[in-house]
């Protein structure tokens, strides 16, 4: 049973990641994978529409959330700012990027098939799947 759940989770992450990659292409955002030190977080540059993803960065947050978070900075940001991944920051732009990143993932994960009530009922699976426990309160606001 546990193996089936693991495989189902892996499949869900893979499917969400594929759709997320399609959205990244649609919005003409470039993602560059640049392995670095484990303490160097992901970066997004609004002006250049680039996300620099560090696969070695040590964080509990899932890769799809990290990408959706940085994508949100690019889609919602203004000016020529550069952001580093800091989802636990209390800064307004980080909270907004968290919420928009959650919304992007929720829209992909739940699609049009789930009502608002069903999204709420399955929120714990969503939180667990994308490792969003530290910001579960924001997930609940979004759903």
N, C-alpha and C. Protein backbone atom coordinates (compact mmCIF):
# COMPACT_ATOMS: atom_id res chain seq x y z
N UNK A 1 0.81 -1.20 0.00
CA UNK A 1 0.00 0.00 0.00
C UNK A 1 0.86 1.26 0.00
N UNK A 2 1.88 1.32 0.86
CA UNK A 2 2.71 2.51 0.94
C UNK A 2 3.44 2.77 -0.37
N UNK A 3 3.85 1.72 -1.05
CA UNK A 3 4.53 1.88 -2.34
C UNK A 3 3.57 2.51 -3.35
N UNK A 4 2.32 2.08 -3.35
CA UNK A 4 1.34 2.65 -4.27
C UNK A 4 1.14 4.14 -4.03
N UNK A 5 1.08 4.54 -2.74
CA UNK A 5 0.92 5.95 -2.41
C UNK A 5 2.14 6.74 -2.87
N UNK A 6 3.33 6.19 -2.65
CA UNK A 6 4.55 6.85 -3.08
C UNK A 6 4.54 7.04 -4.60
N UNK A 7 4.20 5.99 -5.32
CA UNK A 7 4.16 6.08 -6.78
C UNK A 7 3.10 7.06 -7.25
N UNK A 8 1.96 7.11 -6.58
CA UNK A 8 0.91 8.06 -6.93
C UNK A 8 1.39 9.49 -6.70
N UNK A 9 2.11 9.71 -5.60
CA UNK A 9 2.64 11.04 -5.32
C UNK A 9 3.69 11.44 -6.35
N UNK A 10 4.57 10.52 -6.69
CA UNK A 10 5.60 10.80 -7.70
C UNK A 10 4.95 11.14 -9.05
N UNK A 11 3.91 10.40 -9.41
CA UNK A 11 3.21 10.65 -10.66
C UNK A 11 2.53 12.02 -10.63
N UNK A 12 1.90 12.36 -9.52
CA UNK A 12 1.24 13.66 -9.39
C UNK A 12 2.25 14.80 -9.52
N UNK A 13 3.38 14.68 -8.85
CA UNK A 13 4.43 15.71 -8.94
C UNK A 13 4.92 15.84 -10.37
N UNK A 14 5.13 14.71 -11.04
CA UNK A 14 5.61 14.73 -12.42
C UNK A 14 4.59 15.40 -13.34
N UNK A 15 3.32 15.06 -13.19
CA UNK A 15 2.29 15.65 -14.05
C UNK A 15 2.15 17.15 -13.81
N UNK A 16 2.17 17.57 -12.55
CA UNK A 16 2.09 19.00 -12.22
C UNK A 16 3.31 19.72 -12.78
N UNK A 17 4.48 19.11 -12.66
CA UNK A 17 5.72 19.73 -13.16
C UNK A 17 5.67 19.92 -14.68
N UNK A 18 5.12 18.94 -15.38
CA UNK A 18 5.02 19.05 -16.85
C UNK A 18 4.10 20.21 -17.25
N UNK A 19 2.98 20.34 -16.57
CA UNK A 19 2.06 21.45 -16.88
C UNK A 19 2.68 22.78 -16.48
N UNK A 20 3.37 22.80 -15.35
CA UNK A 20 4.06 24.01 -14.90
C UNK A 20 5.10 24.43 -15.94
N UNK A 21 5.83 23.47 -16.48
CA UNK A 21 6.82 23.78 -17.53
C UNK A 21 6.15 24.36 -18.77
N UNK A 22 4.97 23.86 -19.13
CA UNK A 22 4.23 24.42 -20.25
C UNK A 22 3.85 25.88 -19.98
N UNK A 23 3.44 26.18 -18.75
CA UNK A 23 3.08 27.55 -18.38
C UNK A 23 4.31 28.46 -18.42
N UNK A 24 5.43 27.94 -17.99
CA UNK A 24 6.67 28.71 -18.03
C UNK A 24 7.00 29.09 -19.46
N UNK A 25 6.86 28.14 -20.38
CA UNK A 25 7.10 28.42 -21.80
C UNK A 25 6.09 29.42 -22.34
N UNK A 26 4.84 29.24 -21.97
CA UNK A 26 3.77 30.13 -22.43
C UNK A 26 4.04 31.58 -22.03
N UNK A 27 4.57 31.79 -20.82
CA UNK A 27 4.85 33.14 -20.34
C UNK A 27 6.25 33.61 -20.69
N UNK A 28 6.94 32.83 -21.52
CA UNK A 28 8.28 33.19 -21.99
C UNK A 28 9.24 33.47 -20.84
N UNK A 29 9.26 32.52 -19.91
CA UNK A 29 10.18 32.57 -18.78
C UNK A 29 11.23 31.49 -19.00
N UNK A 30 12.47 31.83 -18.75
CA UNK A 30 13.56 30.88 -18.89
C UNK A 30 13.96 30.37 -17.52
N UNK A 31 14.10 29.06 -17.40
CA UNK A 31 14.58 28.45 -16.17
C UNK A 31 15.95 27.84 -16.46
N UNK A 32 16.92 28.26 -15.68
CA UNK A 32 18.28 27.74 -15.82
C UNK A 32 18.62 26.97 -14.56
N UNK A 33 18.96 25.71 -14.73
CA UNK A 33 19.39 24.90 -13.59
C UNK A 33 20.89 25.12 -13.41
N UNK A 34 21.23 25.66 -12.24
CA UNK A 34 22.63 25.96 -11.97
C UNK A 34 23.01 25.41 -10.59
N UNK A 35 23.56 24.20 -10.57
CA UNK A 35 23.95 23.62 -9.29
C UNK A 35 24.97 24.50 -8.57
N UNK A 36 24.74 24.67 -7.29
CA UNK A 36 25.61 25.52 -6.49
C UNK A 36 25.64 24.96 -5.07
N UNK A 37 26.18 25.72 -4.18
CA UNK A 37 26.24 25.35 -2.78
C UNK A 37 24.83 25.14 -2.22
N UNK A 38 24.69 24.29 -1.23
CA UNK A 38 23.38 23.98 -0.65
C UNK A 38 22.72 25.19 0.02
N UNK A 39 23.49 26.21 0.34
CA UNK A 39 22.93 27.40 0.99
C UNK A 39 22.49 28.48 -0.01
N UNK A 40 22.80 28.30 -1.28
CA UNK A 40 22.42 29.29 -2.30
C UNK A 40 21.01 28.97 -2.82
N UNK A 41 20.10 29.91 -2.58
CA UNK A 41 18.71 29.67 -2.96
C UNK A 41 18.47 29.98 -4.44
N UNK A 42 17.25 29.66 -4.88
CA UNK A 42 16.83 29.97 -6.25
C UNK A 42 16.68 31.49 -6.37
N UNK A 43 16.79 31.97 -7.60
CA UNK A 43 16.74 33.41 -7.87
C UNK A 43 15.83 33.66 -9.06
N UNK A 44 15.11 34.77 -9.03
CA UNK A 44 14.36 35.19 -10.20
C UNK A 44 14.70 36.64 -10.51
N UNK A 45 14.80 36.92 -11.79
CA UNK A 45 15.06 38.28 -12.25
C UNK A 45 13.88 38.70 -13.12
N UNK A 46 13.15 39.70 -12.66
CA UNK A 46 11.94 40.14 -13.35
C UNK A 46 12.27 40.69 -14.73
N UNK A 47 13.25 41.56 -14.80
CA UNK A 47 13.59 42.23 -16.06
C UNK A 47 13.99 41.23 -17.15
N UNK A 48 14.78 40.24 -16.78
CA UNK A 48 15.25 39.25 -17.77
C UNK A 48 14.31 38.06 -17.91
N UNK A 49 13.29 37.96 -17.03
CA UNK A 49 12.33 36.86 -17.03
C UNK A 49 13.06 35.51 -16.93
N UNK A 50 13.95 35.45 -15.94
CA UNK A 50 14.78 34.26 -15.75
C UNK A 50 14.67 33.77 -14.31
N UNK A 51 14.57 32.47 -14.19
CA UNK A 51 14.66 31.81 -12.89
C UNK A 51 15.93 30.99 -12.90
N UNK A 52 16.78 31.22 -11.91
CA UNK A 52 17.98 30.40 -11.75
C UNK A 52 17.68 29.44 -10.61
N UNK A 53 17.60 28.17 -10.96
CA UNK A 53 17.22 27.11 -10.03
C UNK A 53 18.45 26.35 -9.58
N UNK A 54 18.63 26.27 -8.27
CA UNK A 54 19.75 25.51 -7.70
C UNK A 54 19.22 24.17 -7.19
N UNK A 55 19.44 23.08 -7.92
CA UNK A 55 18.93 21.77 -7.48
C UNK A 55 19.54 21.29 -6.17
N UNK A 56 20.64 21.90 -5.75
CA UNK A 56 21.30 21.50 -4.51
C UNK A 56 20.82 22.28 -3.28
N UNK A 57 20.00 23.28 -3.50
CA UNK A 57 19.54 24.12 -2.39
C UNK A 57 18.77 23.28 -1.38
N UNK A 58 19.18 23.37 -0.10
CA UNK A 58 18.53 22.59 0.94
C UNK A 58 17.32 23.34 1.47
N UNK A 59 16.16 22.79 1.19
CA UNK A 59 14.91 23.35 1.67
C UNK A 59 13.90 22.22 1.76
N UNK A 60 12.89 22.42 2.58
CA UNK A 60 11.84 21.41 2.69
C UNK A 60 10.76 21.61 1.63
N UNK A 61 10.75 22.74 0.95
CA UNK A 61 9.73 23.02 -0.06
C UNK A 61 10.00 22.24 -1.34
N UNK A 62 8.94 21.81 -2.00
CA UNK A 62 9.07 21.01 -3.22
C UNK A 62 9.59 21.86 -4.38
N UNK A 63 10.16 21.18 -5.35
CA UNK A 63 10.66 21.85 -6.55
C UNK A 63 9.54 22.57 -7.28
N UNK A 64 8.36 21.94 -7.51
CA UNK A 64 7.30 22.68 -8.22
C UNK A 64 6.90 23.97 -7.49
N UNK A 65 6.84 23.92 -6.15
CA UNK A 65 6.49 25.15 -5.42
C UNK A 65 7.58 26.20 -5.58
N UNK A 66 8.83 25.79 -5.49
CA UNK A 66 9.93 26.75 -5.64
C UNK A 66 9.86 27.45 -6.99
N UNK A 67 9.61 26.68 -8.04
CA UNK A 67 9.52 27.25 -9.39
C UNK A 67 8.28 28.16 -9.49
N UNK A 68 7.13 27.71 -8.98
CA UNK A 68 5.91 28.51 -9.04
C UNK A 68 6.07 29.80 -8.25
N UNK A 69 6.75 29.74 -7.13
CA UNK A 69 7.02 30.93 -6.32
C UNK A 69 7.84 31.95 -7.10
N UNK A 70 8.94 31.49 -7.70
CA UNK A 70 9.79 32.41 -8.47
C UNK A 70 9.06 32.91 -9.73
N UNK A 71 8.29 32.03 -10.34
CA UNK A 71 7.48 32.42 -11.50
C UNK A 71 6.53 33.55 -11.11
N UNK A 72 5.96 33.48 -9.92
CA UNK A 72 5.05 34.51 -9.43
C UNK A 72 5.74 35.86 -9.32
N UNK A 73 6.98 35.87 -8.87
CA UNK A 73 7.71 37.13 -8.81
C UNK A 73 7.79 37.76 -10.20
N UNK A 74 8.09 36.95 -11.19
CA UNK A 74 8.24 37.46 -12.55
C UNK A 74 6.89 37.94 -13.10
N UNK A 75 5.85 37.19 -12.87
CA UNK A 75 4.54 37.55 -13.41
C UNK A 75 3.91 38.74 -12.69
N UNK A 76 4.17 38.88 -11.40
CA UNK A 76 3.52 39.92 -10.60
C UNK A 76 4.42 41.10 -10.26
N UNK A 77 5.71 40.94 -10.46
CA UNK A 77 6.65 41.97 -10.02
C UNK A 77 6.67 43.17 -10.93
N UNK A 78 7.24 44.22 -10.40
CA UNK A 78 7.43 45.42 -11.22
C UNK A 78 8.86 45.90 -11.07
N UNK A 79 9.31 46.62 -12.04
CA UNK A 79 10.68 47.11 -12.00
C UNK A 79 11.66 46.06 -12.48
N UNK A 80 12.88 46.20 -12.05
CA UNK A 80 13.94 45.27 -12.49
C UNK A 80 14.53 44.55 -11.29
N UNK A 81 13.71 44.15 -10.38
CA UNK A 81 14.18 43.50 -9.17
C UNK A 81 14.65 42.08 -9.42
N UNK A 82 15.53 41.65 -8.52
CA UNK A 82 15.97 40.27 -8.45
C UNK A 82 15.56 39.76 -7.08
N UNK A 83 14.93 38.58 -7.06
CA UNK A 83 14.47 37.99 -5.80
C UNK A 83 15.21 36.69 -5.54
N UNK A 84 15.45 36.41 -4.27
CA UNK A 84 15.97 35.10 -3.88
C UNK A 84 14.86 34.37 -3.15
N UNK A 85 14.83 33.06 -3.29
CA UNK A 85 13.77 32.25 -2.69
C UNK A 85 13.81 32.39 -1.18
N UNK A 86 12.79 33.00 -0.62
CA UNK A 86 12.70 33.16 0.84
C UNK A 86 11.23 33.11 1.25
N UNK A 87 10.63 31.92 1.18
CA UNK A 87 9.20 31.78 1.41
C UNK A 87 8.73 32.04 2.84
N UNK A 88 9.64 32.07 3.80
CA UNK A 88 9.23 32.32 5.17
C UNK A 88 9.41 33.79 5.58
N UNK A 89 9.82 34.60 4.63
CA UNK A 89 9.97 36.03 4.88
C UNK A 89 8.60 36.66 5.12
N UNK A 90 8.58 37.69 5.91
CA UNK A 90 7.33 38.42 6.20
C UNK A 90 7.11 39.57 5.22
N UNK A 91 8.01 39.74 4.26
CA UNK A 91 7.87 40.82 3.28
C UNK A 91 6.63 40.58 2.43
N UNK A 92 5.93 41.64 2.12
CA UNK A 92 4.69 41.56 1.35
C UNK A 92 4.89 40.84 0.03
N UNK A 93 5.96 41.16 -0.69
CA UNK A 93 6.16 40.54 -2.01
C UNK A 93 6.43 39.03 -1.90
N UNK A 94 7.02 38.60 -0.78
CA UNK A 94 7.25 37.16 -0.58
C UNK A 94 5.96 36.44 -0.23
N UNK A 95 5.15 37.04 0.60
CA UNK A 95 3.85 36.45 0.94
C UNK A 95 2.98 36.36 -0.31
N UNK A 96 2.98 37.42 -1.13
CA UNK A 96 2.21 37.41 -2.37
C UNK A 96 2.73 36.35 -3.34
N UNK A 97 4.05 36.20 -3.44
CA UNK A 97 4.62 35.17 -4.32
C UNK A 97 4.25 33.77 -3.81
N UNK A 98 4.24 33.60 -2.48
CA UNK A 98 3.80 32.32 -1.92
C UNK A 98 2.36 32.03 -2.31
N UNK A 99 1.49 33.01 -2.13
CA UNK A 99 0.07 32.79 -2.40
C UNK A 99 -0.18 32.56 -3.88
N UNK A 100 0.48 33.32 -4.74
CA UNK A 100 0.28 33.12 -6.17
C UNK A 100 0.90 31.78 -6.60
N UNK A 101 2.04 31.42 -6.05
CA UNK A 101 2.65 30.13 -6.35
C UNK A 101 1.74 28.98 -5.92
N UNK A 102 1.14 29.10 -4.76
CA UNK A 102 0.19 28.09 -4.28
C UNK A 102 -0.99 28.02 -5.24
N UNK A 103 -1.49 29.17 -5.66
CA UNK A 103 -2.65 29.20 -6.55
C UNK A 103 -2.33 28.55 -7.90
N UNK A 104 -1.14 28.82 -8.42
CA UNK A 104 -0.71 28.20 -9.68
C UNK A 104 -0.74 26.68 -9.54
N UNK A 105 -0.13 26.18 -8.46
CA UNK A 105 -0.09 24.73 -8.24
C UNK A 105 -1.47 24.15 -8.00
N UNK A 106 -2.29 24.86 -7.23
CA UNK A 106 -3.64 24.37 -6.94
C UNK A 106 -4.47 24.28 -8.22
N UNK A 107 -4.36 25.29 -9.08
CA UNK A 107 -5.12 25.28 -10.33
C UNK A 107 -4.69 24.12 -11.22
N UNK A 108 -3.41 23.79 -11.19
CA UNK A 108 -2.92 22.65 -11.97
C UNK A 108 -3.35 21.34 -11.30
N UNK A 109 -3.08 21.23 -10.01
CA UNK A 109 -3.33 19.98 -9.28
C UNK A 109 -4.82 19.62 -9.25
N UNK A 110 -5.65 20.59 -8.91
CA UNK A 110 -7.08 20.33 -8.80
C UNK A 110 -7.81 20.51 -10.12
N UNK A 111 -7.28 21.35 -10.99
CA UNK A 111 -7.92 21.59 -12.28
C UNK A 111 -9.36 22.06 -12.12
N UNK A 112 -10.16 21.82 -13.12
CA UNK A 112 -11.56 22.19 -13.09
C UNK A 112 -12.43 21.08 -12.50
N UNK A 113 -11.80 20.00 -12.09
CA UNK A 113 -12.54 18.83 -11.65
C UNK A 113 -12.99 18.91 -10.20
N UNK A 114 -12.37 19.76 -9.43
CA UNK A 114 -12.67 19.83 -8.01
C UNK A 114 -13.39 21.13 -7.69
N UNK A 115 -14.46 21.01 -6.94
CA UNK A 115 -15.18 22.20 -6.47
C UNK A 115 -14.36 22.83 -5.34
N UNK A 116 -14.77 24.01 -4.92
CA UNK A 116 -14.11 24.66 -3.80
C UNK A 116 -14.17 23.78 -2.56
N UNK A 117 -15.29 23.12 -2.35
CA UNK A 117 -15.45 22.23 -1.20
C UNK A 117 -14.48 21.06 -1.29
N UNK A 118 -14.36 20.48 -2.48
CA UNK A 118 -13.44 19.34 -2.64
C UNK A 118 -11.99 19.78 -2.47
N UNK A 119 -11.65 20.96 -2.98
CA UNK A 119 -10.29 21.47 -2.79
C UNK A 119 -9.98 21.55 -1.30
N UNK A 120 -10.94 22.07 -0.55
CA UNK A 120 -10.76 22.21 0.89
C UNK A 120 -10.59 20.84 1.55
N UNK A 121 -11.39 19.88 1.13
CA UNK A 121 -11.33 18.54 1.71
C UNK A 121 -9.99 17.85 1.43
N UNK A 122 -9.38 18.13 0.29
CA UNK A 122 -8.12 17.50 -0.09
C UNK A 122 -6.91 18.40 0.18
N UNK A 123 -7.08 19.44 0.96
CA UNK A 123 -5.99 20.40 1.19
C UNK A 123 -4.78 19.76 1.86
N UNK A 124 -5.02 18.80 2.77
CA UNK A 124 -3.89 18.19 3.47
C UNK A 124 -3.02 17.37 2.52
N UNK A 125 -3.64 16.69 1.58
CA UNK A 125 -2.85 15.95 0.58
C UNK A 125 -2.03 16.93 -0.26
N UNK A 126 -2.65 18.04 -0.65
CA UNK A 126 -1.97 19.08 -1.43
C UNK A 126 -0.78 19.64 -0.64
N UNK A 127 -1.02 19.98 0.62
CA UNK A 127 0.03 20.53 1.48
C UNK A 127 1.18 19.53 1.62
N UNK A 128 0.85 18.28 1.86
CA UNK A 128 1.87 17.25 2.02
C UNK A 128 2.63 17.00 0.73
N UNK A 129 1.90 16.91 -0.37
CA UNK A 129 2.53 16.60 -1.66
C UNK A 129 3.58 17.64 -2.06
N UNK A 130 3.28 18.92 -1.81
CA UNK A 130 4.19 19.99 -2.21
C UNK A 130 5.03 20.52 -1.04
N UNK A 131 5.01 19.81 0.07
CA UNK A 131 5.81 20.16 1.25
C UNK A 131 5.58 21.61 1.70
N UNK A 132 4.32 21.96 1.84
CA UNK A 132 3.94 23.33 2.19
C UNK A 132 3.55 23.49 3.66
N UNK A 133 3.94 22.56 4.50
CA UNK A 133 3.55 22.60 5.90
C UNK A 133 3.91 23.93 6.58
N UNK A 134 5.09 24.51 6.34
CA UNK A 134 5.42 25.77 7.03
C UNK A 134 4.51 26.95 6.63
N UNK A 135 3.84 26.83 5.49
CA UNK A 135 2.96 27.92 5.06
C UNK A 135 1.54 27.39 4.79
N UNK A 136 1.15 26.39 5.57
CA UNK A 136 -0.17 25.78 5.41
C UNK A 136 -1.29 26.81 5.59
N UNK A 137 -1.06 27.80 6.45
CA UNK A 137 -2.08 28.85 6.64
C UNK A 137 -2.34 29.61 5.34
N UNK A 138 -1.32 29.78 4.52
CA UNK A 138 -1.51 30.46 3.22
C UNK A 138 -2.25 29.57 2.23
N UNK A 139 -1.98 28.26 2.29
CA UNK A 139 -2.70 27.32 1.44
C UNK A 139 -4.19 27.42 1.76
N UNK A 140 -4.50 27.44 3.04
CA UNK A 140 -5.90 27.50 3.45
C UNK A 140 -6.55 28.81 3.01
N UNK A 141 -5.81 29.90 2.98
CA UNK A 141 -6.35 31.17 2.46
C UNK A 141 -6.64 31.07 0.96
N UNK A 142 -5.78 30.39 0.23
CA UNK A 142 -5.91 30.30 -1.21
C UNK A 142 -7.03 29.36 -1.65
N UNK A 143 -7.23 28.29 -0.90
CA UNK A 143 -8.23 27.30 -1.29
C UNK A 143 -9.61 27.72 -0.82
